[in-house]
Each structure stands twice: as C-alpha cells, then as structure tokens.
C-alpha cells in the first residue's frame, strides 16, 4: 500500500513553486554574472577572451589582436619607407653615385638592394598585410586603407615584372637591367620612393580615423584601437 502511494505521488506534477524555481535560479545567476562584468572590467575582458577562443586567427587579427598587429605592421612599413628616404638623401643631398646609394641597411649589405627577390617578397608581405588587416577597419578608415591596398597592388605588379626579368634572365624592352612599366618614364629610386609614399600616406590617414573614429564608426568597431574615449562612451550609451 505504501509502495503504491509513493509511486502515485512520484508521478504527480511538481507544485507550481517548484516549476518556476529553475528559471528564477538561471535569471539570478545571469544577473550576478552581468553585475560582476559591469563592476569588474578585468572579469569582462577575461570572459570576452574565453568566449572568443574559438575564433580563427584571421578573426582575432581583426578584433582583439588588431591593435598590436596594426602597430607592428605600420612599424615595418615605416622602416621600409625610411630606407627609401635615406637612399634619396644619399643621392640628392650627399651627392653619392646612384649605384652606391643603397640606403642604411644596403650600406652594410649592398647585395640586399640589388635582390629583386627581396623587393618582391616585401611587396607581397605588404599586400597581404593590407588585405588581412582590412576587415578590422570600418567606415572612413576602411576607405583610406582600401586606397592604400589598391595602390600597393599595382606596386606589387611592378615588382613582379622586375622579379620575373631577374629570375628568367630576360629583360624587357631591350634594357640592360630589369625595368618596370613606369620606370620607362621615371628613375627607379624616385619612382619607388613615390610608390611607397602614396601607399604609406593613405595608411596614416586610415590610422588617424581608426584611432579617432566618429561615433558612427565607433559602433561598428570590434577592436581596441580607438583612442576616442568620448565616442566610445557615446556608442556604448546608444547601444544600451
């Protein structure tokens, strides 16, 4: 008799109070989690990092890694542009013969400046860097970054022509050394200083708008590159 009673009681639906216990417990736990994230920024950052651990490398490079990746990339580009400026200074100011004006690194390692493989390799790295990091830019900054990408694509084509001639030992247009298209009109040192300048300048403009975005652009950013705290707070307020 007692066994039958226990079976019947066990089959009855739980009281209404017990039915609502689990949802209330979940909501309470969620409120505690939210309050901890709000009061403790490090907790929120840790949670964000753990939740994004499943992202691809490409996604991370355009989100939580974007700031460091862009700074590193810009440093490499600036150093390369500085080499071209040093080479131009050696020619125009110091009056060195062009075959001896090899820049700073080329002064100690002259073979580097004559290596078309090295020049083309850098052009490829530059092109890949501009493409890979482009998604992390938004709005006006992405427009300027894309301009740099388009110019660098043509610059890469010019170096591809030079690399191909050096590799197959067949110079175009009957020239004694490898020539690119616009090199038929402009000297090589001045031409490639111009190329690197017109790529670098849009990148700098893009970085300015990326570091100091408008409130509209700030709402679309998923990286930590912005220095515009007022825009960040305004975007956060409008999101709420």
Protein backbone atom coordinates (compact mmCIF):
# COMPACT_ATOMS: atom_id res chain seq x y z
CA UNK A 1 0.00 0.00 0.00
CA UNK A 2 2.74 2.43 0.94
CA UNK A 3 4.69 1.49 -2.18
CA UNK A 4 1.67 2.22 -4.40
CA UNK A 5 1.21 5.56 -2.69
CA UNK A 6 4.84 6.55 -3.32
CA UNK A 7 4.54 5.61 -6.98
CA UNK A 8 1.38 7.68 -7.39
CA UNK A 9 2.93 10.68 -5.63
CA UNK A 10 6.08 10.39 -7.72
CA UNK A 11 4.04 10.55 -10.92
CA UNK A 12 2.19 13.73 -9.91
CA UNK A 13 3.38 17.03 -11.49
CA UNK A 14 5.52 19.22 -9.21
CA UNK A 15 3.93 22.17 -7.40
CA UNK A 16 3.80 25.49 -9.21
CA UNK A 17 6.50 26.91 -6.93
CA UNK A 18 8.96 24.21 -7.97
CA UNK A 19 8.18 24.71 -11.64
CA UNK A 20 9.38 28.30 -11.51
CA UNK A 21 12.42 27.60 -9.36
CA UNK A 22 14.85 26.69 -12.17
CA UNK A 23 14.11 29.74 -14.39
CA UNK A 24 14.39 32.04 -11.38
CA UNK A 25 17.71 30.46 -10.44
CA UNK A 26 19.01 30.94 -14.01
CA UNK A 27 17.92 34.58 -14.10
CA UNK A 28 19.55 35.25 -10.73
CA UNK A 29 22.81 33.70 -11.86
CA UNK A 30 22.71 35.73 -15.05
CA UNK A 31 22.16 38.97 -13.09
CA UNK A 32 25.13 38.15 -10.83
CA UNK A 33 27.31 37.48 -13.91
CA UNK A 34 26.26 40.77 -15.51
CA UNK A 35 26.88 42.78 -12.35
CA UNK A 36 30.35 41.24 -11.97
CA UNK A 37 31.23 42.10 -15.56
CA UNK A 38 29.99 45.66 -15.08
CA UNK A 39 31.78 46.29 -11.80
CA UNK A 40 34.98 44.45 -12.76
CA UNK A 41 36.34 45.28 -16.26
CA UNK A 42 39.03 42.61 -15.96
CA UNK A 43 36.32 39.99 -15.43
CA UNK A 44 34.57 41.17 -18.61
CA UNK A 45 37.82 41.13 -20.56
CA UNK A 46 38.61 37.61 -19.36
CA UNK A 47 35.14 36.43 -20.30
CA UNK A 48 35.47 38.04 -23.75
CA UNK A 49 38.82 36.39 -24.31
CA UNK A 50 37.50 32.97 -23.29
CA UNK A 51 34.39 33.33 -25.45
CA UNK A 52 36.48 34.27 -28.49
CA UNK A 53 38.96 31.43 -28.05
CA UNK A 54 37.22 29.51 -30.80
CA UNK A 55 37.78 32.26 -33.36
CA UNK A 56 40.13 31.82 -36.31
CA UNK A 57 43.46 33.61 -36.44
CA UNK A 58 42.07 35.89 -39.15
CA UNK A 59 39.14 36.86 -36.92
CA UNK A 60 41.42 37.55 -33.95
CA UNK A 61 43.75 39.69 -36.09
CA UNK A 62 40.75 41.88 -36.86
CA UNK A 63 39.38 42.02 -33.32
CA UNK A 64 41.35 41.59 -30.08
CA UNK A 65 44.73 41.32 -31.86
CA UNK A 66 44.07 44.13 -34.34
CA UNK A 67 45.73 46.93 -32.37
CA UNK A 68 49.06 45.14 -31.89
CA UNK A 69 49.04 43.70 -35.40
CA UNK A 70 48.42 47.11 -36.98
CA UNK A 71 51.14 48.80 -34.89
CA UNK A 72 53.65 46.09 -35.81
CA UNK A 73 52.72 46.27 -39.48
CA UNK A 74 52.93 50.08 -39.53
CA UNK A 75 56.36 49.88 -37.90
CA UNK A 76 57.66 47.60 -40.65
CA UNK A 77 56.18 49.85 -43.35
CA UNK A 78 57.66 52.97 -41.75
CA UNK A 79 61.12 51.37 -41.54
CA UNK A 80 60.96 50.39 -45.22
CA UNK A 81 59.83 53.88 -46.22
CA UNK A 82 62.71 55.29 -44.16
CA UNK A 83 65.13 53.20 -46.22
CA UNK A 84 63.83 54.81 -49.40
CA UNK A 85 64.13 58.26 -47.84
CA UNK A 86 67.71 57.51 -46.79
CA UNK A 87 68.52 56.37 -50.31
CA UNK A 88 67.09 59.57 -51.77
CA UNK A 89 69.05 61.64 -49.22
CA UNK A 90 72.29 59.91 -50.20
CA UNK A 91 71.68 60.82 -53.84
CA UNK A 92 70.20 64.32 -53.66
CA UNK A 93 71.91 65.77 -50.57
CA UNK A 94 75.14 63.84 -50.13
CA UNK A 95 75.76 63.56 -53.87
CA UNK A 96 76.57 59.84 -53.85
CA UNK A 97 76.56 57.98 -57.19
CA UNK A 98 73.30 56.06 -57.64
CA UNK A 99 74.96 52.60 -57.65
CA UNK A 100 76.39 53.38 -54.18
CA UNK A 101 73.22 54.92 -52.71
CA UNK A 102 71.80 51.80 -51.09
CA UNK A 103 70.08 53.20 -48.03
CA UNK A 104 71.02 52.37 -44.42
CA UNK A 105 70.94 48.56 -44.45
CA UNK A 106 72.19 48.49 -48.04
CA UNK A 107 75.26 50.44 -46.96
CA UNK A 108 76.41 47.43 -44.94
CA UNK A 109 74.83 44.75 -47.14
CA UNK A 110 74.87 46.08 -50.74
CA UNK A 111 73.56 42.81 -52.18
CA UNK A 112 70.22 43.38 -50.45
CA UNK A 113 69.40 46.45 -52.53
CA UNK A 114 70.12 44.50 -55.71
CA UNK A 115 67.98 41.49 -54.81
CA UNK A 116 64.72 41.56 -56.79
CA UNK A 117 63.57 38.55 -54.77
CA UNK A 118 63.81 40.58 -51.57
CA UNK A 119 61.99 43.56 -53.06
CA UNK A 120 59.21 41.39 -54.44
CA UNK A 121 58.97 39.45 -51.17
CA UNK A 122 58.41 42.69 -49.27
CA UNK A 123 55.81 43.82 -51.82
CA UNK A 124 53.92 40.55 -51.24
CA UNK A 125 54.13 40.89 -47.44
CA UNK A 126 52.88 44.46 -47.74
CA UNK A 127 49.96 43.40 -49.94
CA UNK A 128 48.99 40.51 -47.65
CA UNK A 129 49.20 42.71 -44.56
CA UNK A 130 46.95 45.36 -46.08
CA UNK A 131 44.40 42.73 -47.12
CA UNK A 132 44.41 40.68 -43.90
CA UNK A 133 44.06 43.67 -41.55
CA UNK A 134 41.49 45.49 -43.70
CA UNK A 135 38.42 43.91 -42.09
CA UNK A 136 39.28 45.44 -38.71
CA UNK A 137 38.87 48.93 -40.17
CA UNK A 138 35.40 50.43 -40.56
CA UNK A 139 33.81 53.45 -42.21
CA UNK A 140 36.18 56.23 -43.26
CA UNK A 141 39.29 54.42 -42.05
CA UNK A 142 38.50 51.39 -44.21
CA UNK A 143 38.08 53.62 -47.27
CA UNK A 144 41.58 55.06 -46.86
CA UNK A 145 43.05 51.65 -46.04
CA UNK A 146 41.49 50.25 -49.22
CA UNK A 147 43.04 53.08 -51.26
CA UNK A 148 46.45 52.04 -49.94
CA UNK A 149 45.65 48.40 -50.78
CA UNK A 150 44.75 49.24 -54.40
CA UNK A 151 47.91 51.30 -54.93
CA UNK A 152 50.04 48.59 -53.34
CA UNK A 153 48.52 46.01 -55.69
CA UNK A 154 49.87 47.94 -58.68
CA UNK A 155 53.18 48.47 -56.89
CA UNK A 156 53.33 44.69 -56.43
CA UNK A 157 52.72 44.21 -60.18
CA UNK A 158 55.69 46.46 -60.93
CA UNK A 159 57.91 44.40 -58.62
CA UNK A 160 56.56 41.19 -60.15
CA UNK A 161 57.79 42.38 -63.55
CA UNK A 162 61.22 43.14 -62.11
CA UNK A 163 61.33 39.80 -60.28
CA UNK A 164 60.33 37.89 -63.42
CA UNK A 165 63.01 39.54 -65.54
CA UNK A 166 65.70 38.83 -62.92
CA UNK A 167 64.54 35.22 -62.48
CA UNK A 168 64.35 34.30 -66.18
CA UNK A 169 67.33 36.46 -67.16
CA UNK A 170 65.32 38.15 -69.85
CA UNK A 171 64.93 41.92 -69.61
CA UNK A 172 62.00 43.63 -71.28
CA UNK A 173 62.16 46.50 -73.78
CA UNK A 174 65.77 45.66 -74.62
CA UNK A 175 67.07 47.18 -71.39
CA UNK A 176 70.39 46.10 -69.85
CA UNK A 177 68.75 45.69 -66.41
CA UNK A 178 65.21 44.79 -65.26
CA UNK A 179 62.71 47.61 -65.86
CA UNK A 180 59.15 48.10 -64.68
CA UNK A 181 56.44 49.93 -66.66
CA UNK A 182 56.67 53.38 -65.10
CA UNK A 183 60.43 53.03 -64.81
CA UNK A 184 60.45 53.69 -68.55
CA UNK A 185 59.49 57.27 -67.66
CA UNK A 186 60.85 57.85 -64.13
CA UNK A 187 64.16 56.85 -62.49
CA UNK A 188 63.86 53.81 -60.24
CA UNK A 189 64.86 55.46 -56.95
CA UNK A 190 62.40 58.34 -57.36
CA UNK A 191 59.67 56.04 -58.69
CA UNK A 192 59.72 53.61 -55.78
CA UNK A 193 60.05 56.41 -53.24
CA UNK A 194 56.87 57.79 -54.80
CA UNK A 195 55.17 54.36 -54.72
CA UNK A 196 55.96 53.82 -51.05
CA UNK A 197 54.88 57.37 -50.20
CA UNK A 198 51.48 57.14 -51.92
CA UNK A 199 50.85 53.83 -50.14
CA UNK A 200 52.06 55.00 -46.73
CA UNK A 201 50.15 58.33 -46.68
CA UNK A 202 46.65 56.75 -47.06
CA UNK A 203 47.64 54.24 -44.37
CA UNK A 204 48.47 57.07 -41.97
CA UNK A 205 45.15 58.78 -42.75
CA UNK A 206 43.34 55.47 -42.20
CA UNK A 207 45.07 55.05 -38.85
CA UNK A 208 44.01 58.53 -37.78
CA UNK A 209 40.34 57.85 -38.50
CA UNK A 210 40.70 54.40 -36.93
CA UNK A 211 42.23 55.71 -33.71
CA UNK A 212 39.87 58.71 -33.50
CA UNK A 213 36.65 57.41 -35.09
CA UNK A 214 33.31 59.12 -35.31
CA UNK A 215 30.55 57.85 -33.03
CA UNK A 216 29.00 56.08 -36.03
CA UNK A 217 32.22 54.25 -36.89
CA UNK A 218 32.87 53.51 -33.21
CA UNK A 219 29.68 51.45 -33.01
CA UNK A 220 31.00 49.10 -35.72
CA UNK A 221 34.47 48.60 -34.25
CA UNK A 222 35.31 45.30 -32.57
CA UNK A 223 38.96 46.08 -31.75
CA UNK A 224 40.68 48.19 -29.07
CA UNK A 225 42.41 50.62 -31.45
CA UNK A 226 40.21 53.64 -30.71
CA UNK A 227 41.68 56.43 -28.59
CA UNK A 228 38.46 58.43 -28.77
CA UNK A 229 37.00 57.65 -25.36
CA UNK A 230 34.11 60.11 -25.78
CA UNK A 231 33.00 58.39 -28.99
CA UNK A 232 33.34 55.01 -27.30
CA UNK A 233 31.13 56.08 -24.39
CA UNK A 234 28.60 57.65 -26.76
CA UNK A 235 28.48 54.48 -28.84
CA UNK A 236 28.04 52.37 -25.70
CA UNK A 237 25.24 54.63 -24.49
CA UNK A 238 23.38 54.47 -27.80
CA UNK A 239 23.76 50.69 -27.85
CA UNK A 240 22.09 50.46 -24.45
